[in-house]
C-alpha cells in the first residue's frame, strides 16, 4: 500500500502532514511521473516511505531540483528497507 497524506493508519502520513500544516507549512502531494516536475515554488521535497526503485526520469527530476538549490527530506521505514530503493548518484542505496 502506498503511503498517503490522508491516511491516519500506521502507514499513513496524516499526523505528519497535520503537524506541518499546524506550523503554516503548505503540504501538497506531487507525482514525478509523466511530464510533471517538482514545482518551482517547492521549498522542501519530502519523499515519504519510498517503495521500490525510482525510474531514471524520476531520479533526473529529483536531481534537477536539488542542483537548482532544492532541499530533500527522505522518510524511511521498515518497508523502505524491505523494498530496495535507489535514490540516485549522490543519495543513498537501501537494501543493496
C-alpha atoms as a PDB file:
ATOM      1  CA  UNK A   1       0.000   0.000   0.000  1.00  0.00           C
ATOM      2  CA  UNK A   2       1.281   3.433  -0.960  1.00  0.00           C
ATOM      3  CA  UNK A   3       1.712   5.967   1.885  1.00  0.00           C
ATOM      4  CA  UNK A   4      -0.857   8.765   1.848  1.00  0.00           C
ATOM      5  CA  UNK A   5      -1.195  12.228   3.397  1.00  0.00           C
ATOM      6  CA  UNK A   6      -4.856  11.474   4.141  1.00  0.00           C
ATOM      7  CA  UNK A   7      -4.298   8.068   5.775  1.00  0.00           C
ATOM      8  CA  UNK A   8      -4.484   8.114   9.591  1.00  0.00           C
ATOM      9  CA  UNK A   9      -3.381   4.469   9.846  1.00  0.00           C
ATOM     10  CA  UNK A  10       0.040   3.181  10.785  1.00  0.00           C
ATOM     11  CA  UNK A  11       1.394   3.520   7.242  1.00  0.00           C
ATOM     12  CA  UNK A  12      -0.200   6.922   6.600  1.00  0.00           C
ATOM     13  CA  UNK A  13       1.174  10.428   6.988  1.00  0.00           C
ATOM     14  CA  UNK A  14      -1.920  12.333   8.117  1.00  0.00           C
ATOM     15  CA  UNK A  15      -0.453  13.203  11.533  1.00  0.00           C
ATOM     16  CA  UNK A  16       2.852  14.312   9.999  1.00  0.00           C
ATOM     17  CA  UNK A  17       1.030  16.477   7.442  1.00  0.00           C
ATOM     18  CA  UNK A  18      -1.147  17.954  10.208  1.00  0.00           C
ATOM     19  CA  UNK A  19       1.906  18.931  12.247  1.00  0.00           C
ATOM     20  CA  UNK A  20       3.472  20.643   9.233  1.00  0.00           C
ATOM     21  CA  UNK A  21       0.221  22.451   8.410  1.00  0.00           C
ATOM     22  CA  UNK A  22      -0.092  23.500  12.062  1.00  0.00           C
ATOM     23  CA  UNK A  23       3.237  25.273  11.574  1.00  0.00           C
ATOM     24  CA  UNK A  24       1.972  27.132   8.480  1.00  0.00           C
ATOM     25  CA  UNK A  25       3.661  24.791   6.016  1.00  0.00           C
ATOM     26  CA  UNK A  26       1.596  24.052   2.925  1.00  0.00           C
ATOM     27  CA  UNK A  27       1.721  20.324   2.164  1.00  0.00           C
ATOM     28  CA  UNK A  28       0.861  19.155  -1.351  1.00  0.00           C
ATOM     29  CA  UNK A  29       1.357  15.686  -2.843  1.00  0.00           C
ATOM     30  CA  UNK A  30       3.114  15.618  -6.204  1.00  0.00           C
ATOM     31  CA  UNK A  31       3.877  12.962  -8.788  1.00  0.00           C
ATOM     32  CA  UNK A  32       7.065  12.895 -10.807  1.00  0.00           C
ATOM     33  CA  UNK A  33       5.607  10.598 -13.436  1.00  0.00           C
ATOM     34  CA  UNK A  34       4.995  11.809 -16.976  1.00  0.00           C
ATOM     35  CA  UNK A  35       5.788  15.416 -17.839  1.00  0.00           C
ATOM     36  CA  UNK A  36       5.364  16.813 -14.314  1.00  0.00           C
ATOM     37  CA  UNK A  37       8.347  18.251 -12.465  1.00  0.00           C
ATOM     38  CA  UNK A  38       8.973  19.412  -8.910  1.00  0.00           C
ATOM     39  CA  UNK A  39       7.053  22.704  -8.722  1.00  0.00           C
ATOM     40  CA  UNK A  40       9.338  25.770  -8.783  1.00  0.00           C
ATOM     41  CA  UNK A  41       7.813  27.069  -5.530  1.00  0.00           C
ATOM     42  CA  UNK A  42       8.654  23.840  -3.646  1.00  0.00           C
ATOM     43  CA  UNK A  43      10.881  24.699  -0.659  1.00  0.00           C
ATOM     44  CA  UNK A  44      11.347  21.111   0.518  1.00  0.00           C
ATOM     45  CA  UNK A  45      10.703  17.874  -1.344  1.00  0.00           C
ATOM     46  CA  UNK A  46       9.688  15.125   1.055  1.00  0.00           C
ATOM     47  CA  UNK A  47       9.850  11.534  -0.137  1.00  0.00           C
ATOM     48  CA  UNK A  48       7.932   9.516   2.430  1.00  0.00           C
ATOM     49  CA  UNK A  49       8.367   5.754   2.682  1.00  0.00           C
ATOM     50  CA  UNK A  50       9.745   5.052  -0.801  1.00  0.00           C
ATOM     51  CA  UNK A  51       8.888   1.621  -2.199  1.00  0.00           C
ATOM     52  CA  UNK A  52      10.958   0.125  -4.996  1.00  0.00           C
ATOM     53  CA  UNK A  53      13.341   1.769  -7.413  1.00  0.00           C
ATOM     54  CA  UNK A  54      12.752   5.180  -8.914  1.00  0.00           C
ATOM     55  CA  UNK A  55      12.718   5.419 -12.683  1.00  0.00           C
ATOM     56  CA  UNK A  56      15.634   7.203 -14.373  1.00  0.00           C
ATOM     57  CA  UNK A  57      13.211  10.034 -15.258  1.00  0.00           C
ATOM     58  CA  UNK A  58      12.114  10.452 -11.628  1.00  0.00           C
ATOM     59  CA  UNK A  59      15.745  10.446 -10.473  1.00  0.00           C
ATOM     60  CA  UNK A  60      16.598  13.084 -13.070  1.00  0.00           C
ATOM     61  CA  UNK A  61      13.753  15.325 -11.885  1.00  0.00           C
ATOM     62  CA  UNK A  62      14.881  14.966  -8.246  1.00  0.00           C
ATOM     63  CA  UNK A  63      18.493  15.650  -9.266  1.00  0.00           C
ATOM     64  CA  UNK A  64      17.463  18.713 -11.290  1.00  0.00           C
ATOM     65  CA  UNK A  65      15.510  20.065  -8.305  1.00  0.00           C
ATOM     66  CA  UNK A  66      18.477  19.616  -5.943  1.00  0.00           C
ATOM     67  CA  UNK A  67      21.010  21.055  -8.410  1.00  0.00           C
ATOM     68  CA  UNK A  68      18.868  24.208  -8.551  1.00  0.00           C
ATOM     69  CA  UNK A  69      19.178  24.624  -4.772  1.00  0.00           C
ATOM     70  CA  UNK A  70      16.228  22.454  -3.738  1.00  0.00           C
ATOM     71  CA  UNK A  71      16.181  20.535  -0.476  1.00  0.00           C
ATOM     72  CA  UNK A  72      15.258  16.875   0.025  1.00  0.00           C
ATOM     73  CA  UNK A  73      13.956  15.083   3.130  1.00  0.00           C
ATOM     74  CA  UNK A  74      13.536  11.304   2.851  1.00  0.00           C
ATOM     75  CA  UNK A  75      11.473   9.397   5.417  1.00  0.00           C
ATOM     76  CA  UNK A  76      12.481   5.750   5.578  1.00  0.00           C
ATOM     77  CA  UNK A  77      10.615   2.960   7.319  1.00  0.00           C
ATOM     78  CA  UNK A  78      10.916  -0.824   7.562  1.00  0.00           C
ATOM     79  CA  UNK A  79       9.116  -1.217   4.232  1.00  0.00           C
ATOM     80  CA  UNK A  80      11.690   1.050   2.602  1.00  0.00           C
ATOM     81  CA  UNK A  81      14.423  -1.376   3.636  1.00  0.00           C
ATOM     82  CA  UNK A  82      12.397  -4.429   2.585  1.00  0.00           C
ATOM     83  CA  UNK A  83      11.901  -2.915  -0.891  1.00  0.00           C
ATOM     84  CA  UNK A  84      15.321  -1.664  -2.071  1.00  0.00           C
ATOM     85  CA  UNK A  85      15.323   1.897  -3.307  1.00  0.00           C
ATOM     86  CA  UNK A  86      17.981   3.705  -5.289  1.00  0.00           C
ATOM     87  CA  UNK A  87      17.866   7.455  -4.856  1.00  0.00           C
ATOM     88  CA  UNK A  88      20.495   8.434  -7.358  1.00  0.00           C
ATOM     89  CA  UNK A  89      24.162   9.114  -7.616  1.00  0.00           C
ATOM     90  CA  UNK A  90      24.501  11.296  -4.524  1.00  0.00           C
ATOM     91  CA  UNK A  91      21.693   9.866  -2.481  1.00  0.00           C
ATOM     92  CA  UNK A  92      21.511   6.511  -0.724  1.00  0.00           C
ATOM     93  CA  UNK A  93      21.059   2.877  -1.740  1.00  0.00           C
ATOM     94  CA  UNK A  94      18.939   0.775   0.590  1.00  0.00           C
ATOM     95  CA  UNK A  95      18.954  -2.980   0.777  1.00  0.00           C
ATOM     96  CA  UNK A  96      21.569  -3.243  -1.936  1.00  0.00           C
END
